[in-house]
């Protein structure tokens, strides 16, 4: 299982530092959960992922993760033995909890 925190552009900071979602990929399935109220900052990620299968996303992630306007940070699952969906949601919960 591989997880990425998807980052979107922040005009305030002039960099891609706004967490917009979490993407998880495991074998032939993928799951993404979007951060509430970050729709505009996540637009590029939504366009990239639309219609792309897990294998295609895995092949493109090294390039996408390094782009300046919409990068990504690979993270270790918070709950290592969780299902893909549960691991992604746990990461989103962690992001939202740390934003308080």
C-alpha atoms as a PDB file:
ATOM      1  CA  UNK A   1       0.000   0.000   0.000  1.00  0.00           C
ATOM      2  CA  UNK A   2       1.230   3.479  -0.897  1.00  0.00           C
ATOM      3  CA  UNK A   3      -0.253   6.743   0.350  1.00  0.00           C
ATOM      4  CA  UNK A   4       0.319  10.327  -0.758  1.00  0.00           C
ATOM      5  CA  UNK A   5      -0.876  13.583   0.737  1.00  0.00           C
ATOM      6  CA  UNK A   6      -1.867  15.663  -2.279  1.00  0.00           C
ATOM      7  CA  UNK A   7      -0.853  19.310  -2.048  1.00  0.00           C
ATOM      8  CA  UNK A   8      -2.361  22.288  -3.821  1.00  0.00           C
ATOM      9  CA  UNK A   9      -1.182  25.823  -4.457  1.00  0.00           C
ATOM     10  CA  UNK A  10      -1.508  28.357  -1.649  1.00  0.00           C
ATOM     11  CA  UNK A  11      -1.545  31.966  -2.889  1.00  0.00           C
ATOM     12  CA  UNK A  12      -0.865  33.067   0.681  1.00  0.00           C
ATOM     13  CA  UNK A  13       2.456  31.194   0.864  1.00  0.00           C
ATOM     14  CA  UNK A  14       3.320  31.102  -2.842  1.00  0.00           C
ATOM     15  CA  UNK A  15       3.858  27.342  -2.797  1.00  0.00           C
ATOM     16  CA  UNK A  16       1.995  24.023  -2.948  1.00  0.00           C
ATOM     17  CA  UNK A  17       1.489  23.560   0.797  1.00  0.00           C
ATOM     18  CA  UNK A  18      -2.289  23.160   1.138  1.00  0.00           C
ATOM     19  CA  UNK A  19      -3.349  19.551   1.801  1.00  0.00           C
ATOM     20  CA  UNK A  20      -6.191  18.894  -0.654  1.00  0.00           C
ATOM     21  CA  UNK A  21      -6.578  15.132  -0.403  1.00  0.00           C
ATOM     22  CA  UNK A  22      -5.046  11.757   0.304  1.00  0.00           C
ATOM     23  CA  UNK A  23      -4.506   9.165  -2.402  1.00  0.00           C
ATOM     24  CA  UNK A  24      -3.941   5.506  -1.689  1.00  0.00           C
ATOM     25  CA  UNK A  25      -2.990   2.771  -4.145  1.00  0.00           C
ATOM     26  CA  UNK A  26      -2.785  -0.943  -3.488  1.00  0.00           C
ATOM     27  CA  UNK A  27      -2.253  -3.422  -6.327  1.00  0.00           C
ATOM     28  CA  UNK A  28      -5.114  -2.771  -8.750  1.00  0.00           C
ATOM     29  CA  UNK A  29      -7.234  -0.399  -6.703  1.00  0.00           C
ATOM     30  CA  UNK A  30      -6.997   3.219  -5.697  1.00  0.00           C
ATOM     31  CA  UNK A  31      -8.927   5.399  -3.298  1.00  0.00           C
ATOM     32  CA  UNK A  32      -8.878   9.155  -2.817  1.00  0.00           C
ATOM     33  CA  UNK A  33     -10.479  11.255  -0.112  1.00  0.00           C
ATOM     34  CA  UNK A  34     -10.646  15.014  -0.558  1.00  0.00           C
ATOM     35  CA  UNK A  35     -10.106  17.576   2.193  1.00  0.00           C
ATOM     36  CA  UNK A  36     -13.294  19.612   2.739  1.00  0.00           C
ATOM     37  CA  UNK A  37     -13.340  23.228   1.506  1.00  0.00           C
ATOM     38  CA  UNK A  38     -10.183  22.903  -0.582  1.00  0.00           C
ATOM     39  CA  UNK A  39     -11.933  22.388  -3.897  1.00  0.00           C
ATOM     40  CA  UNK A  40     -10.127  25.122  -5.868  1.00  0.00           C
ATOM     41  CA  UNK A  41      -6.682  24.236  -4.522  1.00  0.00           C
ATOM     42  CA  UNK A  42      -7.362  20.577  -5.430  1.00  0.00           C
ATOM     43  CA  UNK A  43      -8.544  21.274  -8.979  1.00  0.00           C
ATOM     44  CA  UNK A  44      -5.295  20.173 -10.637  1.00  0.00           C
ATOM     45  CA  UNK A  45      -5.275  16.898  -8.706  1.00  0.00           C
ATOM     46  CA  UNK A  46      -8.899  16.226  -9.614  1.00  0.00           C
ATOM     47  CA  UNK A  47      -8.044  16.738 -13.293  1.00  0.00           C
ATOM     48  CA  UNK A  48      -4.963  14.502 -13.092  1.00  0.00           C
ATOM     49  CA  UNK A  49      -6.800  11.641 -11.409  1.00  0.00           C
ATOM     50  CA  UNK A  50     -10.005  11.795 -13.478  1.00  0.00           C
ATOM     51  CA  UNK A  51     -10.220   8.580 -15.475  1.00  0.00           C
ATOM     52  CA  UNK A  52      -6.687   7.419 -14.606  1.00  0.00           C
ATOM     53  CA  UNK A  53      -6.325   3.844 -13.396  1.00  0.00           C
ATOM     54  CA  UNK A  54      -4.104   2.825 -10.461  1.00  0.00           C
ATOM     55  CA  UNK A  55      -1.219   1.654 -12.674  1.00  0.00           C
ATOM     56  CA  UNK A  56      -1.238   4.864 -14.702  1.00  0.00           C
ATOM     57  CA  UNK A  57      -1.280   6.959 -11.519  1.00  0.00           C
ATOM     58  CA  UNK A  58       1.646   4.967 -10.061  1.00  0.00           C
ATOM     59  CA  UNK A  59       3.656   5.583 -13.224  1.00  0.00           C
ATOM     60  CA  UNK A  60       2.956   9.321 -13.175  1.00  0.00           C
ATOM     61  CA  UNK A  61       3.279   9.996  -9.430  1.00  0.00           C
ATOM     62  CA  UNK A  62       7.074  10.502  -9.434  1.00  0.00           C
ATOM     63  CA  UNK A  63       6.637  13.365 -11.910  1.00  0.00           C
ATOM     64  CA  UNK A  64       3.445  14.772 -10.397  1.00  0.00           C
ATOM     65  CA  UNK A  65       4.832  14.701  -6.856  1.00  0.00           C
ATOM     66  CA  UNK A  66       7.647  17.049  -7.881  1.00  0.00           C
ATOM     67  CA  UNK A  67       5.614  19.706  -9.724  1.00  0.00           C
ATOM     68  CA  UNK A  68       5.632  23.162  -8.179  1.00  0.00           C
ATOM     69  CA  UNK A  69       1.912  23.998  -8.288  1.00  0.00           C
ATOM     70  CA  UNK A  70       0.450  20.647  -7.183  1.00  0.00           C
ATOM     71  CA  UNK A  71       2.944  18.340  -5.531  1.00  0.00           C
ATOM     72  CA  UNK A  72       2.528  15.336  -3.247  1.00  0.00           C
ATOM     73  CA  UNK A  73       4.266  13.821  -0.242  1.00  0.00           C
ATOM     74  CA  UNK A  74       4.368  10.055   0.177  1.00  0.00           C
ATOM     75  CA  UNK A  75       3.563   9.026   3.745  1.00  0.00           C
ATOM     76  CA  UNK A  76       3.513   5.814   5.730  1.00  0.00           C
ATOM     77  CA  UNK A  77       0.042   4.551   6.710  1.00  0.00           C
ATOM     78  CA  UNK A  78      -0.947   5.566  10.232  1.00  0.00           C
ATOM     79  CA  UNK A  79      -2.748   2.231  10.610  1.00  0.00           C
ATOM     80  CA  UNK A  80      -0.458  -0.252   8.794  1.00  0.00           C
ATOM     81  CA  UNK A  81      -2.878  -3.221   8.704  1.00  0.00           C
ATOM     82  CA  UNK A  82      -5.930  -1.204   7.646  1.00  0.00           C
ATOM     83  CA  UNK A  83      -7.775  -1.586   4.382  1.00  0.00           C
ATOM     84  CA  UNK A  84      -6.890   0.919   1.679  1.00  0.00           C
ATOM     85  CA  UNK A  85     -10.004   2.990   2.329  1.00  0.00           C
ATOM     86  CA  UNK A  86      -9.480   2.973   6.109  1.00  0.00           C
ATOM     87  CA  UNK A  87      -5.800   3.934   5.740  1.00  0.00           C
ATOM     88  CA  UNK A  88      -6.667   6.894   3.490  1.00  0.00           C
ATOM     89  CA  UNK A  89      -9.427   8.063   5.833  1.00  0.00           C
ATOM     90  CA  UNK A  90      -7.140   7.766   8.874  1.00  0.00           C
ATOM     91  CA  UNK A  91      -4.604   9.992   7.112  1.00  0.00           C
ATOM     92  CA  UNK A  92      -7.293  12.555   6.267  1.00  0.00           C
ATOM     93  CA  UNK A  93      -8.482  12.502   9.890  1.00  0.00           C
ATOM     94  CA  UNK A  94      -4.896  13.091  11.016  1.00  0.00           C
ATOM     95  CA  UNK A  95      -4.529  16.060   8.652  1.00  0.00           C
ATOM     96  CA  UNK A  96      -7.813  17.567   9.793  1.00  0.00           C
ATOM     97  CA  UNK A  97      -6.962  16.971  13.446  1.00  0.00           C
ATOM     98  CA  UNK A  98      -3.589  18.678  13.126  1.00  0.00           C
ATOM     99  CA  UNK A  99      -5.203  21.732  11.502  1.00  0.00           C
ATOM    100  CA  UNK A 100      -6.943  22.717  14.717  1.00  0.00           C
END
